[in-house]
Amino acid sequence: MELRPRNHHWTAAFDKYVGATEARLNSELHPGGIFLYVDGLPIDAKKASYDQLKNGEVLVEKRETKRPGLAPMFLTEWYIIGLALF
């Protein structure tokens, strides 16, 4: 089996996507910042989300990194939260 040479256009686009995503995550995740994405929601949505979690439901959130000059990628980030409350 022969491997195809790397497509440098897509490799560069992916590297740019990774850099932008890491920058977004670093801006969101810091000491004193929000820990769960639901903590950054508006009050009503946050309360509804915590009510769902308390009822044993699992929350799934689709996230995307969008920045000017960033080529569209076929990548999606999924955040999944489920809490075991004792």
N, C-alpha and C. Protein backbone atom coordinates (compact mmCIF):
# COMPACT_ATOMS: atom_id res chain seq x y z
N MET A 1 0.85 -1.18 0.00
CA MET A 1 0.00 0.00 0.00
C MET A 1 0.89 1.24 0.00
N GLU A 2 0.59 2.13 -0.89
CA GLU A 2 1.39 3.35 -1.00
C GLU A 2 0.60 4.53 -0.44
N LEU A 3 1.23 5.31 0.40
CA LEU A 3 0.58 6.49 0.97
C LEU A 3 0.68 7.66 0.00
N ARG A 4 -0.35 8.43 -0.07
CA ARG A 4 -0.32 9.61 -0.91
C ARG A 4 0.48 10.70 -0.22
N PRO A 5 1.12 11.56 -0.98
CA PRO A 5 1.84 12.68 -0.35
C PRO A 5 0.85 13.60 0.36
N ARG A 6 1.32 14.26 1.38
CA ARG A 6 0.47 15.15 2.15
C ARG A 6 0.02 16.32 1.30
N ASN A 7 -1.22 16.68 1.45
CA ASN A 7 -1.76 17.84 0.77
C ASN A 7 -1.48 19.04 1.68
N HIS A 8 -0.50 19.84 1.32
CA HIS A 8 -0.04 20.93 2.20
C HIS A 8 -1.11 22.00 2.41
N HIS A 9 -2.02 22.15 1.44
CA HIS A 9 -3.11 23.12 1.61
C HIS A 9 -3.99 22.70 2.79
N TRP A 10 -4.39 21.43 2.84
CA TRP A 10 -5.25 20.96 3.92
C TRP A 10 -4.49 20.85 5.23
N THR A 11 -3.22 20.49 5.16
CA THR A 11 -2.41 20.41 6.37
C THR A 11 -2.29 21.80 7.01
N ALA A 12 -2.03 22.81 6.19
CA ALA A 12 -1.92 24.18 6.70
C ALA A 12 -3.27 24.65 7.25
N ALA A 13 -4.37 24.32 6.56
CA ALA A 13 -5.70 24.71 7.04
C ALA A 13 -6.00 24.04 8.38
N PHE A 14 -5.63 22.76 8.51
CA PHE A 14 -5.88 22.06 9.77
C PHE A 14 -5.03 22.66 10.89
N ASP A 15 -3.78 22.98 10.62
CA ASP A 15 -2.92 23.60 11.63
C ASP A 15 -3.49 24.94 12.09
N LYS A 16 -4.05 25.70 11.15
CA LYS A 16 -4.66 26.99 11.48
C LYS A 16 -5.91 26.76 12.35
N TYR A 17 -6.70 25.75 12.00
CA TYR A 17 -7.89 25.40 12.79
C TYR A 17 -7.50 25.01 14.21
N VAL A 18 -6.47 24.17 14.34
CA VAL A 18 -6.02 23.73 15.67
C VAL A 18 -5.56 24.94 16.49
N GLY A 19 -4.80 25.83 15.89
CA GLY A 19 -4.34 27.03 16.60
C GLY A 19 -5.49 27.90 17.06
N ALA A 20 -6.49 28.09 16.19
CA ALA A 20 -7.65 28.92 16.54
C ALA A 20 -8.48 28.26 17.64
N THR A 21 -8.62 26.94 17.56
CA THR A 21 -9.40 26.21 18.58
C THR A 21 -8.69 26.26 19.92
N GLU A 22 -7.37 26.07 19.91
CA GLU A 22 -6.62 26.15 21.17
C GLU A 22 -6.72 27.55 21.77
N ALA A 23 -6.68 28.57 20.94
CA ALA A 23 -6.80 29.95 21.44
C ALA A 23 -8.19 30.16 22.06
N ARG A 24 -9.24 29.64 21.40
CA ARG A 24 -10.59 29.77 21.96
C ARG A 24 -10.70 29.04 23.29
N LEU A 25 -10.18 27.82 23.33
CA LEU A 25 -10.26 27.05 24.58
C LEU A 25 -9.47 27.72 25.70
N ASN A 26 -8.31 28.26 25.38
CA ASN A 26 -7.50 28.94 26.40
C ASN A 26 -8.21 30.18 26.93
N SER A 27 -9.00 30.84 26.07
CA SER A 27 -9.73 32.02 26.55
C SER A 27 -10.92 31.61 27.42
N GLU A 28 -11.43 30.40 27.22
CA GLU A 28 -12.58 29.93 28.00
C GLU A 28 -12.16 29.23 29.28
N LEU A 29 -11.05 28.52 29.24
CA LEU A 29 -10.63 27.70 30.38
C LEU A 29 -9.45 28.35 31.09
N HIS A 30 -9.73 29.01 32.17
CA HIS A 30 -8.70 29.64 32.97
C HIS A 30 -9.16 29.68 34.42
N PRO A 31 -8.22 29.81 35.36
CA PRO A 31 -8.63 29.87 36.76
C PRO A 31 -9.67 30.97 36.98
N GLY A 32 -10.75 30.62 37.64
CA GLY A 32 -11.83 31.56 37.89
C GLY A 32 -12.82 31.66 36.74
N GLY A 33 -12.53 31.01 35.61
CA GLY A 33 -13.44 31.03 34.47
C GLY A 33 -14.52 29.97 34.61
N ILE A 34 -15.30 29.82 33.57
CA ILE A 34 -16.36 28.81 33.62
C ILE A 34 -15.74 27.43 33.49
N PHE A 35 -16.29 26.48 34.20
CA PHE A 35 -15.77 25.11 34.15
C PHE A 35 -16.59 24.27 33.18
N LEU A 36 -17.90 24.31 33.33
CA LEU A 36 -18.79 23.61 32.41
C LEU A 36 -19.38 24.64 31.46
N TYR A 37 -19.56 24.26 30.21
CA TYR A 37 -20.07 25.23 29.25
C TYR A 37 -21.43 25.79 29.68
N VAL A 38 -22.21 25.03 30.44
CA VAL A 38 -23.53 25.52 30.87
C VAL A 38 -23.41 26.72 31.80
N ASP A 39 -22.28 26.84 32.49
CA ASP A 39 -22.09 27.98 33.39
C ASP A 39 -21.98 29.30 32.63
N GLY A 40 -21.68 29.24 31.34
CA GLY A 40 -21.57 30.44 30.53
C GLY A 40 -22.85 30.79 29.79
N LEU A 41 -23.90 30.01 30.02
CA LEU A 41 -25.18 30.26 29.35
C LEU A 41 -25.95 31.36 30.07
N PRO A 42 -26.92 31.98 29.37
CA PRO A 42 -27.81 32.93 30.06
C PRO A 42 -28.52 32.23 31.23
N ILE A 43 -28.93 33.01 32.22
CA ILE A 43 -29.49 32.48 33.48
C ILE A 43 -30.57 31.42 33.26
N ASP A 44 -31.56 31.70 32.41
CA ASP A 44 -32.66 30.75 32.20
C ASP A 44 -32.18 29.45 31.58
N ALA A 45 -31.29 29.56 30.59
CA ALA A 45 -30.75 28.36 29.94
C ALA A 45 -29.87 27.57 30.90
N LYS A 46 -29.12 28.28 31.72
CA LYS A 46 -28.26 27.63 32.71
C LYS A 46 -29.11 26.85 33.71
N LYS A 47 -30.19 27.47 34.22
CA LYS A 47 -31.06 26.80 35.18
C LYS A 47 -31.70 25.56 34.53
N ALA A 48 -32.18 25.71 33.29
CA ALA A 48 -32.80 24.58 32.59
C ALA A 48 -31.80 23.45 32.39
N SER A 49 -30.56 23.80 32.06
CA SER A 49 -29.52 22.79 31.86
C SER A 49 -29.22 22.04 33.15
N TYR A 50 -29.09 22.78 34.25
CA TYR A 50 -28.82 22.11 35.53
C TYR A 50 -30.02 21.26 35.97
N ASP A 51 -31.23 21.70 35.68
CA ASP A 51 -32.40 20.88 35.98
C ASP A 51 -32.36 19.58 35.20
N GLN A 52 -31.98 19.66 33.93
CA GLN A 52 -31.85 18.45 33.11
C GLN A 52 -30.79 17.51 33.71
N LEU A 53 -29.66 18.07 34.09
CA LEU A 53 -28.58 17.25 34.68
C LEU A 53 -29.04 16.60 35.98
N LYS A 54 -29.77 17.35 36.79
CA LYS A 54 -30.26 16.79 38.06
C LYS A 54 -31.26 15.66 37.82
N ASN A 55 -31.94 15.70 36.68
CA ASN A 55 -32.88 14.63 36.33
C ASN A 55 -32.20 13.45 35.64
N GLY A 56 -30.88 13.49 35.60
CA GLY A 56 -30.14 12.37 35.02
C GLY A 56 -29.94 12.43 33.52
N GLU A 57 -30.33 13.54 32.92
CA GLU A 57 -30.16 13.67 31.47
C GLU A 57 -28.71 14.01 31.13
N VAL A 58 -28.33 13.70 29.92
CA VAL A 58 -27.00 14.01 29.41
C VAL A 58 -27.14 15.17 28.42
N LEU A 59 -26.30 16.18 28.58
CA LEU A 59 -26.34 17.34 27.69
C LEU A 59 -25.26 17.19 26.63
N VAL A 60 -25.62 17.52 25.40
CA VAL A 60 -24.67 17.46 24.29
C VAL A 60 -24.69 18.82 23.60
N GLU A 61 -23.53 19.41 23.41
CA GLU A 61 -23.42 20.73 22.80
C GLU A 61 -22.44 20.66 21.64
N LYS A 62 -22.87 21.12 20.48
CA LYS A 62 -22.00 21.19 19.31
C LYS A 62 -21.28 22.53 19.33
N ARG A 63 -19.97 22.50 19.21
CA ARG A 63 -19.16 23.72 19.20
C ARG A 63 -18.37 23.79 17.91
N GLU A 64 -18.15 24.97 17.42
CA GLU A 64 -17.35 25.17 16.22
C GLU A 64 -16.42 26.35 16.44
N THR A 65 -15.26 26.26 15.82
CA THR A 65 -14.33 27.37 15.86
C THR A 65 -14.49 28.14 14.56
N LYS A 66 -14.93 29.38 14.67
CA LYS A 66 -15.12 30.22 13.49
C LYS A 66 -14.32 31.50 13.67
N ARG A 67 -13.47 31.76 12.71
CA ARG A 67 -12.69 33.00 12.72
C ARG A 67 -12.52 33.47 11.29
N PRO A 68 -12.44 34.77 11.07
CA PRO A 68 -12.20 35.26 9.72
C PRO A 68 -10.89 34.68 9.18
N GLY A 69 -10.90 34.26 7.94
CA GLY A 69 -9.70 33.72 7.32
C GLY A 69 -9.46 32.25 7.61
N LEU A 70 -10.33 31.65 8.40
CA LEU A 70 -10.18 30.23 8.73
C LEU A 70 -11.04 29.43 7.77
N ALA A 71 -10.39 28.57 7.00
CA ALA A 71 -11.12 27.77 6.01
C ALA A 71 -12.12 26.86 6.70
N PRO A 72 -13.29 26.63 6.09
CA PRO A 72 -14.26 25.70 6.69
C PRO A 72 -13.65 24.31 6.76
N MET A 73 -13.83 23.67 7.88
CA MET A 73 -13.28 22.33 8.08
C MET A 73 -14.44 21.37 8.31
N PHE A 74 -14.20 20.13 8.03
CA PHE A 74 -15.20 19.10 8.27
C PHE A 74 -14.97 18.50 9.64
N LEU A 75 -14.85 19.37 10.62
CA LEU A 75 -14.61 18.94 12.00
C LEU A 75 -15.65 19.58 12.90
N THR A 76 -16.11 18.83 13.85
CA THR A 76 -17.06 19.34 14.82
C THR A 76 -16.60 18.92 16.20
N GLU A 77 -16.72 19.81 17.14
CA GLU A 77 -16.40 19.50 18.52
C GLU A 77 -17.71 19.26 19.25
N TRP A 78 -17.75 18.21 20.03
CA TRP A 78 -18.95 17.90 20.81
C TRP A 78 -18.58 17.91 22.28
N TYR A 79 -19.34 18.64 23.07
CA TYR A 79 -19.16 18.67 24.51
C TYR A 79 -20.31 17.87 25.11
N ILE A 80 -19.97 16.91 25.93
CA ILE A 80 -20.98 16.05 26.54
C ILE A 80 -20.84 16.13 28.04
N ILE A 81 -21.94 16.40 28.72
CA ILE A 81 -21.93 16.51 30.18
C ILE A 81 -23.00 15.58 30.76
N GLY A 82 -22.59 14.77 31.68
CA GLY A 82 -23.50 13.96 32.46
C GLY A 82 -22.98 13.93 33.88
N LEU A 83 -23.83 14.19 34.82
CA LEU A 83 -23.39 14.23 36.22
C LEU A 83 -24.03 13.11 37.01
N ALA A 84 -23.24 12.51 37.86
CA ALA A 84 -23.78 11.53 38.80
C ALA A 84 -23.93 12.27 40.13
N LEU A 85 -25.15 12.53 40.48
CA LEU A 85 -25.42 13.25 41.74
C LEU A 85 -25.83 12.23 42.80
N PHE A 86 -25.12 12.25 43.89
CA PHE A 86 -25.40 11.29 44.97
C PHE A 86 -26.07 11.99 46.13
